[in-house]
N, C-alpha and C. Protein backbone atom coordinates (compact mmCIF):
# COMPACT_ATOMS: atom_id res chain seq x y z
N MET A 1 10.24 -1.98 11.67
CA MET A 1 9.16 -1.61 12.56
C MET A 1 8.06 -2.14 12.15
N LEU A 2 7.17 -2.86 13.42
CA LEU A 2 6.22 -3.70 14.04
C LEU A 2 4.90 -3.40 13.14
N ILE A 3 4.67 -1.76 12.89
CA ILE A 3 3.40 -1.24 12.73
C ILE A 3 3.72 -0.40 11.41
N SER A 4 2.44 -0.28 10.77
CA SER A 4 2.94 0.68 9.61
C SER A 4 2.39 2.16 9.87
N GLU A 5 3.38 2.74 8.53
CA GLU A 5 3.28 4.18 9.16
C GLU A 5 1.74 4.57 9.29
N ASN A 6 0.91 4.28 8.74
CA ASN A 6 -0.11 4.79 8.72
C ASN A 6 -0.57 4.34 10.38
N MET A 7 -0.79 3.45 11.12
CA MET A 7 -0.93 2.80 12.31
C MET A 7 -0.37 3.77 13.08
N ASN A 8 1.07 4.27 13.03
CA ASN A 8 1.76 5.04 13.68
C ASN A 8 1.19 6.16 13.89
N ASN A 9 0.92 6.69 12.92
CA ASN A 9 0.19 7.95 12.46
C ASN A 9 -1.44 8.37 13.54
N ALA A 10 -2.16 6.90 13.26
CA ALA A 10 -3.24 7.05 13.54
C ALA A 10 -3.09 6.81 15.60
N ILE A 11 -2.29 6.04 15.48
CA ILE A 11 -2.27 5.74 17.37
C ILE A 11 -1.19 7.32 17.99
N ASN A 12 -0.47 8.11 17.45
CA ASN A 12 0.11 9.14 17.73
C ASN A 12 -1.10 9.98 18.31
N ALA A 13 -2.22 10.09 16.94
CA ALA A 13 -2.97 11.22 17.00
C ALA A 13 -3.78 10.32 18.27
N GLN A 14 -4.56 9.67 18.45
CA GLN A 14 -4.99 9.06 19.54
C GLN A 14 -4.19 9.23 21.03
N ILE A 15 -2.89 9.33 20.80
CA ILE A 15 -2.14 9.29 22.03
C ILE A 15 -2.42 11.24 22.64
N GLY A 16 -2.63 12.04 21.53
CA GLY A 16 -2.69 13.45 21.86
C GLY A 16 -4.42 13.42 22.18
N ARG A 17 -5.51 12.95 21.73
CA ARG A 17 -6.76 12.94 22.32
C ARG A 17 -6.55 12.48 23.40
N GLU A 18 -5.89 11.29 24.07
CA GLU A 18 -5.72 10.91 25.29
C GLU A 18 -5.38 11.80 26.67
N PHE A 19 -4.42 12.76 25.54
CA PHE A 19 -3.56 13.73 26.86
C PHE A 19 -4.49 14.97 26.70
N GLY A 20 -5.26 14.72 25.78
CA GLY A 20 -6.27 15.83 25.67
C GLY A 20 -7.55 16.17 27.13
N ALA A 21 -7.69 14.89 26.91
CA ALA A 21 -8.91 14.98 27.73
C ALA A 21 -8.20 14.70 29.00
N SER A 22 -7.29 14.00 29.32
CA SER A 22 -6.57 14.37 30.61
C SER A 22 -6.44 15.40 31.11
N LEU A 23 -6.03 16.63 29.95
CA LEU A 23 -6.21 18.20 30.65
C LEU A 23 -7.53 19.25 31.04
N GLN A 24 -8.26 18.32 30.09
CA GLN A 24 -9.58 18.99 30.52
C GLN A 24 -10.28 18.22 31.52
N TYR A 25 -10.06 16.82 32.23
CA TYR A 25 -10.35 16.69 33.12
C TYR A 25 -10.02 17.76 34.42
N VAL A 26 -8.11 17.53 34.52
CA VAL A 26 -7.30 18.64 35.20
C VAL A 26 -8.39 19.99 35.35
N GLN A 27 -8.69 20.19 34.26
CA GLN A 27 -9.49 21.67 34.35
C GLN A 27 -10.86 21.76 35.16
N ILE A 28 -11.16 20.82 34.68
CA ILE A 28 -12.66 20.52 35.79
C ILE A 28 -12.44 20.25 37.04
N ALA A 29 -11.49 19.17 37.40
CA ALA A 29 -11.20 19.37 38.84
C ALA A 29 -10.60 20.62 39.55
N THR A 30 -9.99 21.58 38.74
CA THR A 30 -9.49 22.56 39.82
C THR A 30 -10.96 23.91 39.57
N TYR A 31 -11.87 23.57 39.02
CA TYR A 31 -13.22 24.31 38.85
C TYR A 31 -14.11 23.77 40.42
N PHE A 32 -13.80 22.16 40.54
CA PHE A 32 -14.81 21.93 41.65
C PHE A 32 -13.93 22.18 42.90
N ASP A 33 -12.41 22.32 42.94
CA ASP A 33 -11.65 22.76 43.59
C ASP A 33 -11.77 23.99 44.18
N GLY A 34 -11.73 24.77 43.68
CA GLY A 34 -12.12 26.30 43.81
C GLY A 34 -13.30 26.38 44.17
N GLU A 35 -14.10 25.37 44.15
CA GLU A 35 -15.65 25.79 44.38
C GLU A 35 -15.72 25.40 45.57
N ALA A 36 -14.63 24.36 46.42
CA ALA A 36 -14.49 23.65 47.47
C ALA A 36 -16.13 22.91 47.43
N LEU A 37 -15.70 21.72 46.77
CA LEU A 37 -16.18 20.65 46.08
C LEU A 37 -15.35 19.21 46.23
N PRO A 38 -14.68 19.07 47.45
CA PRO A 38 -13.28 17.83 47.05
C PRO A 38 -13.89 16.59 46.76
N LYS A 39 -15.06 16.13 46.97
CA LYS A 39 -15.21 14.70 46.49
C LYS A 39 -15.17 14.80 44.83
N MET A 40 -15.55 15.81 44.22
CA MET A 40 -16.13 15.91 42.48
C MET A 40 -14.94 16.35 42.24
N ALA A 41 -14.04 16.85 42.85
CA ALA A 41 -12.55 17.42 42.40
C ALA A 41 -11.85 15.90 42.12
N GLU A 42 -12.10 15.28 42.96
CA GLU A 42 -11.37 14.51 43.09
C GLU A 42 -11.57 12.92 42.34
N PHE A 43 -13.22 13.27 42.13
CA PHE A 43 -13.28 12.27 41.00
C PHE A 43 -12.84 12.42 39.71
N PHE A 44 -12.31 13.95 39.58
CA PHE A 44 -12.60 14.49 37.86
C PHE A 44 -10.33 14.10 37.95
N TYR A 45 -10.06 14.92 39.07
CA TYR A 45 -8.60 14.21 38.94
C TYR A 45 -8.16 12.56 38.64
N ARG A 46 -9.02 11.65 39.30
CA ARG A 46 -9.06 10.43 38.86
C ARG A 46 -8.97 9.84 37.38
N GLN A 47 -10.20 11.12 36.70
CA GLN A 47 -10.48 11.04 35.43
C GLN A 47 -9.01 10.91 34.68
N ALA A 48 -8.48 12.31 35.26
CA ALA A 48 -7.47 12.59 34.45
C ALA A 48 -6.23 11.76 34.57
N ASP A 49 -6.17 11.23 35.87
CA ASP A 49 -4.97 10.20 35.42
C ASP A 49 -5.33 9.08 35.06
N GLU A 50 -6.55 8.67 35.02
CA GLU A 50 -7.04 7.31 33.93
C GLU A 50 -6.28 7.91 32.50
N GLU A 51 -6.99 9.05 32.00
CA GLU A 51 -6.62 9.31 30.56
C GLU A 51 -5.04 9.10 30.27
N ARG A 52 -4.53 9.87 31.18
CA ARG A 52 -2.86 9.85 30.90
C ARG A 52 -2.22 8.95 30.91
N GLU A 53 -2.71 7.64 31.70
CA GLU A 53 -2.61 5.99 31.57
C GLU A 53 -2.80 5.83 30.68
N HIS A 54 -4.00 5.76 29.73
CA HIS A 54 -4.34 5.03 28.36
C HIS A 54 -2.99 5.61 27.58
N ALA A 55 -3.08 7.08 27.38
CA ALA A 55 -2.10 7.49 26.60
C ALA A 55 -1.09 7.18 26.73
N MET A 56 -0.15 7.04 28.27
CA MET A 56 1.21 6.39 28.10
C MET A 56 1.08 4.67 27.51
N LYS A 57 0.09 3.68 27.28
CA LYS A 57 -0.20 2.47 27.29
C LYS A 57 0.39 2.70 25.66
N PHE A 58 -0.63 3.76 25.26
CA PHE A 58 -0.18 4.01 23.69
C PHE A 58 1.21 3.98 23.21
N VAL A 59 1.57 5.22 24.12
CA VAL A 59 3.32 5.28 24.19
C VAL A 59 4.35 4.29 23.76
N HIS A 60 3.80 3.46 24.85
CA HIS A 60 4.29 1.99 24.99
C HIS A 60 4.35 0.96 24.18
N TYR A 61 3.35 1.48 23.70
CA TYR A 61 3.23 -0.20 22.40
C TYR A 61 4.11 0.80 21.37
N VAL A 62 4.03 1.84 20.82
CA VAL A 62 4.29 2.71 19.48
C VAL A 62 5.80 2.56 19.66
N ILE A 63 6.68 2.59 20.83
CA ILE A 63 8.02 2.62 21.02
C ILE A 63 8.13 0.79 20.82
N ASP A 64 7.42 0.20 21.79
CA ASP A 64 7.77 -1.72 21.71
C ASP A 64 7.38 -2.00 20.18
N ALA A 65 6.66 -1.16 19.35
CA ALA A 65 6.77 -1.69 18.34
C ALA A 65 7.45 -1.51 17.15
N GLY A 66 8.91 -0.14 17.92
CA GLY A 66 9.62 0.20 16.77
C GLY A 66 9.11 1.24 16.19
N GLY A 67 8.01 1.76 16.00
CA GLY A 67 7.76 3.48 15.88
C GLY A 67 8.05 4.52 16.48
N GLU A 68 8.16 5.58 15.97
CA GLU A 68 7.61 7.12 16.57
C GLU A 68 7.02 7.74 17.21
N VAL A 69 7.48 8.04 18.83
CA VAL A 69 6.06 9.13 19.13
C VAL A 69 6.27 10.14 18.93
N HIS A 70 4.93 10.86 18.50
CA HIS A 70 5.12 12.27 17.60
C HIS A 70 3.52 12.87 18.44
N ILE A 71 4.07 13.54 19.66
CA ILE A 71 2.88 14.01 20.66
C ILE A 71 2.54 15.10 19.84
N PRO A 72 1.02 15.05 19.20
CA PRO A 72 0.77 16.22 18.63
C PRO A 72 0.37 17.70 19.85
N PRO A 73 0.36 18.78 19.30
CA PRO A 73 0.22 19.62 20.15
C PRO A 73 -1.28 19.63 20.70
């Protein structure tokens, strides 16, 4: 493994935060969709995608470093 166990655990925690932020942005976007504010909804859907992209970069980093990905609940 190219990363320490502590680093692996810290990155896994960050992966959970990134996915959590993505879900929060989806929730906000759906609110704006329901209020007939499509531009606001679009903005928050893009933010959700960006957070998911961040999470996936961490996922791939851990895999490439020989670590184990454990996404927290």
